[in-house]
Amino acid sequence: HKHLPIFGVCLGHQIIGQVFGSKVVQSKKLMHGKTSKIISKKTGIFKNLPKTFEATRYHSLIIDKKTLSKDLIITAETADGLIMAIQHKKYNLHGVQFHPESIKTKIGIKILKNFIKFEEK
């Protein structure tokens, strides 16, 4: 992870959180094939994209916000404060809980392109 850029989706996002000491816990609400409004910080992989967007979610686990590693920052959340994206403070590691590849995540391809651009810097 120190030299290789990593983009984790769903379980990959959760693994990034867990590797750095965050806890992955059962979500209060199952999100299988449902869309949610996501609010980004407009940084990293969300730079130059809308602050809010709809994204498709397929998960029953989430990274527990109370145990988020000090090595990671939250780059997107749901309106009710669930972590939807993280970024490592030092390394080129990004994770998203939602599915950017889903047809219902309209800006998904732009998020993926931003990751590629982020890596090229």
C-alpha atoms as a PDB file:
ATOM      1  CA  HIS A   1       0.000   0.000   0.000  1.00  0.00           C
ATOM      2  CA  LYS A   2       2.964   2.342   0.365  1.00  0.00           C
ATOM      3  CA  HIS A   3       3.790   2.270  -3.340  1.00  0.00           C
ATOM      4  CA  LEU A   4       0.737   0.822  -5.068  1.00  0.00           C
ATOM      5  CA  PRO A   5      -2.431   2.915  -5.473  1.00  0.00           C
ATOM      6  CA  ILE A   6      -5.515   1.123  -4.164  1.00  0.00           C
ATOM      7  CA  PHE A   7      -9.199   1.834  -4.777  1.00  0.00           C
ATOM      8  CA  GLY A   8     -11.455  -0.326  -2.597  1.00  0.00           C
ATOM      9  CA  VAL A   9     -15.137  -0.756  -3.422  1.00  0.00           C
ATOM     10  CA  CYS A  10     -17.613  -1.998  -0.792  1.00  0.00           C
ATOM     11  CA  LEU A  11     -15.778  -4.908   0.891  1.00  0.00           C
ATOM     12  CA  GLY A  12     -12.481  -3.418  -0.325  1.00  0.00           C
ATOM     13  CA  HIS A  13     -13.423  -0.144   1.390  1.00  0.00           C
ATOM     14  CA  GLN A  14     -14.191  -2.026   4.601  1.00  0.00           C
ATOM     15  CA  ILE A  15     -10.887  -3.930   4.402  1.00  0.00           C
ATOM     16  CA  ILE A  16      -8.917  -0.684   4.052  1.00  0.00           C
ATOM     17  CA  GLY A  17     -10.645   0.591   7.177  1.00  0.00           C
ATOM     18  CA  GLN A  18      -9.984  -2.612   9.099  1.00  0.00           C
ATOM     19  CA  VAL A  19      -6.316  -2.874   8.045  1.00  0.00           C
ATOM     20  CA  PHE A  20      -5.699   0.540   9.604  1.00  0.00           C
ATOM     21  CA  GLY A  21      -7.531  -0.296  12.839  1.00  0.00           C
ATOM     22  CA  SER A  22     -11.132   0.763  12.232  1.00  0.00           C
ATOM     23  CA  LYS A  23     -13.922  -1.615  13.177  1.00  0.00           C
ATOM     24  CA  VAL A  24     -16.386  -2.933  10.607  1.00  0.00           C
ATOM     25  CA  VAL A  25     -19.841  -3.384  12.129  1.00  0.00           C
ATOM     26  CA  GLN A  26     -23.356  -4.444  11.154  1.00  0.00           C
ATOM     27  CA  SER A  27     -25.297  -1.574   9.613  1.00  0.00           C
ATOM     28  CA  LYS A  28     -28.642  -0.717  11.196  1.00  0.00           C
ATOM     29  CA  LYS A  29     -30.204  -0.813   7.733  1.00  0.00           C
ATOM     30  CA  LEU A  30     -29.496  -3.298   4.948  1.00  0.00           C
ATOM     31  CA  MET A  31     -28.751  -1.594   1.652  1.00  0.00           C
ATOM     32  CA  HIS A  32     -28.972  -4.122  -1.146  1.00  0.00           C
ATOM     33  CA  GLY A  33     -29.560  -2.514  -4.530  1.00  0.00           C
ATOM     34  CA  LYS A  34     -30.817   0.721  -3.016  1.00  0.00           C
ATOM     35  CA  THR A  35     -29.683   4.235  -3.825  1.00  0.00           C
ATOM     36  CA  SER A  36     -28.794   6.945  -1.340  1.00  0.00           C
ATOM     37  CA  LYS A  37     -27.854  10.589  -1.448  1.00  0.00           C
ATOM     38  CA  ILE A  38     -24.107  10.856  -0.836  1.00  0.00           C
ATOM     39  CA  ILE A  39     -22.476  14.065   0.395  1.00  0.00           C
ATOM     40  CA  SER A  40     -18.812  14.436  -0.550  1.00  0.00           C
ATOM     41  CA  LYS A  41     -16.108  16.736   0.782  1.00  0.00           C
ATOM     42  CA  LYS A  42     -15.181  17.534  -2.867  1.00  0.00           C
ATOM     43  CA  THR A  43     -11.582  16.429  -2.284  1.00  0.00           C
ATOM     44  CA  GLY A  44      -9.453  13.562  -3.593  1.00  0.00           C
ATOM     45  CA  ILE A  45     -11.515  11.318  -5.868  1.00  0.00           C
ATOM     46  CA  PHE A  46     -14.490  13.699  -5.533  1.00  0.00           C
ATOM     47  CA  LYS A  47     -12.633  16.822  -6.660  1.00  0.00           C
ATOM     48  CA  ASN A  48     -14.521  18.859  -9.303  1.00  0.00           C
ATOM     49  CA  LEU A  49     -17.632  16.688  -8.888  1.00  0.00           C
ATOM     50  CA  PRO A  50     -21.031  17.623  -7.432  1.00  0.00           C
ATOM     51  CA  LYS A  51     -21.101  17.841  -3.635  1.00  0.00           C
ATOM     52  CA  THR A  52     -24.173  15.590  -3.522  1.00  0.00           C
ATOM     53  CA  PHE A  53     -25.064  12.683  -5.785  1.00  0.00           C
ATOM     54  CA  GLU A  54     -27.056   9.450  -5.821  1.00  0.00           C
ATOM     55  CA  ALA A  55     -25.124   6.200  -5.479  1.00  0.00           C
ATOM     56  CA  THR A  56     -26.060   2.534  -5.413  1.00  0.00           C
ATOM     57  CA  ARG A  57     -25.339   0.593  -2.237  1.00  0.00           C
ATOM     58  CA  TYR A  58     -25.112  -3.182  -1.716  1.00  0.00           C
ATOM     59  CA  HIS A  59     -23.994  -3.833   1.849  1.00  0.00           C
ATOM     60  CA  SER A  60     -24.969  -4.819   5.363  1.00  0.00           C
ATOM     61  CA  LEU A  61     -21.668  -3.817   7.026  1.00  0.00           C
ATOM     62  CA  ILE A  62     -20.087  -0.380   7.484  1.00  0.00           C
ATOM     63  CA  ILE A  63     -16.952   1.158   8.945  1.00  0.00           C
ATOM     64  CA  ASP A  64     -17.796   2.339  12.460  1.00  0.00           C
ATOM     65  CA  LYS A  65     -17.258   6.098  12.549  1.00  0.00           C
ATOM     66  CA  LYS A  66     -16.391   6.040  16.272  1.00  0.00           C
ATOM     67  CA  THR A  67     -13.415   3.745  15.614  1.00  0.00           C
ATOM     68  CA  LEU A  68     -12.137   5.346  12.395  1.00  0.00           C
ATOM     69  CA  SER A  69      -8.350   5.156  12.236  1.00  0.00           C
ATOM     70  CA  LYS A  70      -6.433   8.400  12.668  1.00  0.00           C
ATOM     71  CA  ASP A  71      -4.636   7.452   9.416  1.00  0.00           C
ATOM     72  CA  LEU A  72      -7.869   7.822   7.425  1.00  0.00           C
ATOM     73  CA  ILE A  73     -10.123  10.747   6.597  1.00  0.00           C
ATOM     74  CA  ILE A  74     -13.779  10.660   5.621  1.00  0.00           C
ATOM     75  CA  THR A  75     -14.333  12.039   2.124  1.00  0.00           C
ATOM     76  CA  ALA A  76     -18.065  11.250   1.759  1.00  0.00           C
ATOM     77  CA  GLU A  77     -21.009  10.351   3.984  1.00  0.00           C
ATOM     78  CA  THR A  78     -24.735   9.753   3.848  1.00  0.00           C
ATOM     79  CA  ALA A  79     -27.104  12.449   5.117  1.00  0.00           C
ATOM     80  CA  ASP A  80     -27.359  10.519   8.401  1.00  0.00           C
ATOM     81  CA  GLY A  81     -23.565  10.409   8.845  1.00  0.00           C
ATOM     82  CA  LEU A  82     -22.582   6.920   7.675  1.00  0.00           C
ATOM     83  CA  ILE A  83     -19.114   6.714   6.132  1.00  0.00           C
ATOM     84  CA  MET A  84     -19.368   6.305   2.364  1.00  0.00           C
ATOM     85  CA  ALA A  85     -15.767   7.092   1.370  1.00  0.00           C
ATOM     86  CA  ILE A  86     -12.348   7.274   2.985  1.00  0.00           C
ATOM     87  CA  GLN A  87      -8.861   8.306   1.982  1.00  0.00           C
ATOM     88  CA  HIS A  88      -5.529   7.585   3.660  1.00  0.00           C
ATOM     89  CA  LYS A  89      -3.767  10.731   4.893  1.00  0.00           C
ATOM     90  CA  LYS A  90      -0.384   9.708   3.485  1.00  0.00           C
ATOM     91  CA  TYR A  91      -0.811   6.942   0.883  1.00  0.00           C
ATOM     92  CA  ASN A  92      -2.813   6.758  -2.340  1.00  0.00           C
ATOM     93  CA  LEU A  93      -5.530   4.580  -0.776  1.00  0.00           C
ATOM     94  CA  HIS A  94      -9.196   5.334  -1.336  1.00  0.00           C
ATOM     95  CA  GLY A  95     -12.306   3.385  -0.446  1.00  0.00           C
ATOM     96  CA  VAL A  96     -15.976   3.809  -1.280  1.00  0.00           C
ATOM     97  CA  GLN A  97     -18.807   1.925   0.408  1.00  0.00           C
ATOM     98  CA  PHE A  98     -21.131   2.455  -2.559  1.00  0.00           C
ATOM     99  CA  HIS A  99     -20.744   1.058  -6.078  1.00  0.00           C
ATOM    100  CA  PRO A 100     -19.379   3.566  -8.617  1.00  0.00           C
ATOM    101  CA  GLU A 101     -19.645   0.929 -11.354  1.00  0.00           C
ATOM    102  CA  SER A 102     -23.432   0.696 -10.948  1.00  0.00           C
ATOM    103  CA  ILE A 103     -25.557   2.231 -13.685  1.00  0.00           C
ATOM    104  CA  LYS A 104     -27.549   4.066 -10.979  1.00  0.00           C
ATOM    105  CA  THR A 105     -24.410   5.843  -9.721  1.00  0.00           C
ATOM    106  CA  LYS A 106     -24.467   8.481 -12.456  1.00  0.00           C
ATOM    107  CA  ILE A 107     -21.079  10.043 -11.622  1.00  0.00           C
ATOM    108  CA  GLY A 108     -19.385   6.697 -10.980  1.00  0.00           C
ATOM    109  CA  ILE A 109     -17.185   6.803 -14.080  1.00  0.00           C
ATOM    110  CA  LYS A 110     -16.047  10.320 -13.129  1.00  0.00           C
ATOM    111  CA  ILE A 111     -15.053   9.079  -9.660  1.00  0.00           C
ATOM    112  CA  LEU A 112     -13.008   6.280 -11.238  1.00  0.00           C
ATOM    113  CA  LYS A 113     -11.379   8.733 -13.652  1.00  0.00           C
ATOM    114  CA  ASN A 114     -10.497  10.997 -10.724  1.00  0.00           C
ATOM    115  CA  PHE A 115      -8.764   8.061  -9.025  1.00  0.00           C
ATOM    116  CA  ILE A 116      -6.684   7.487 -12.154  1.00  0.00           C
ATOM    117  CA  LYS A 117      -5.837  11.208 -12.350  1.00  0.00           C
ATOM    118  CA  PHE A 118      -5.007  11.233  -8.631  1.00  0.00           C
ATOM    119  CA  GLU A 119      -2.571   8.362  -9.216  1.00  0.00           C
ATOM    120  CA  GLU A 120      -0.853  10.170 -12.086  1.00  0.00           C
ATOM    121  CA  LYS A 121       0.140  13.121  -9.852  1.00  0.00           C
END
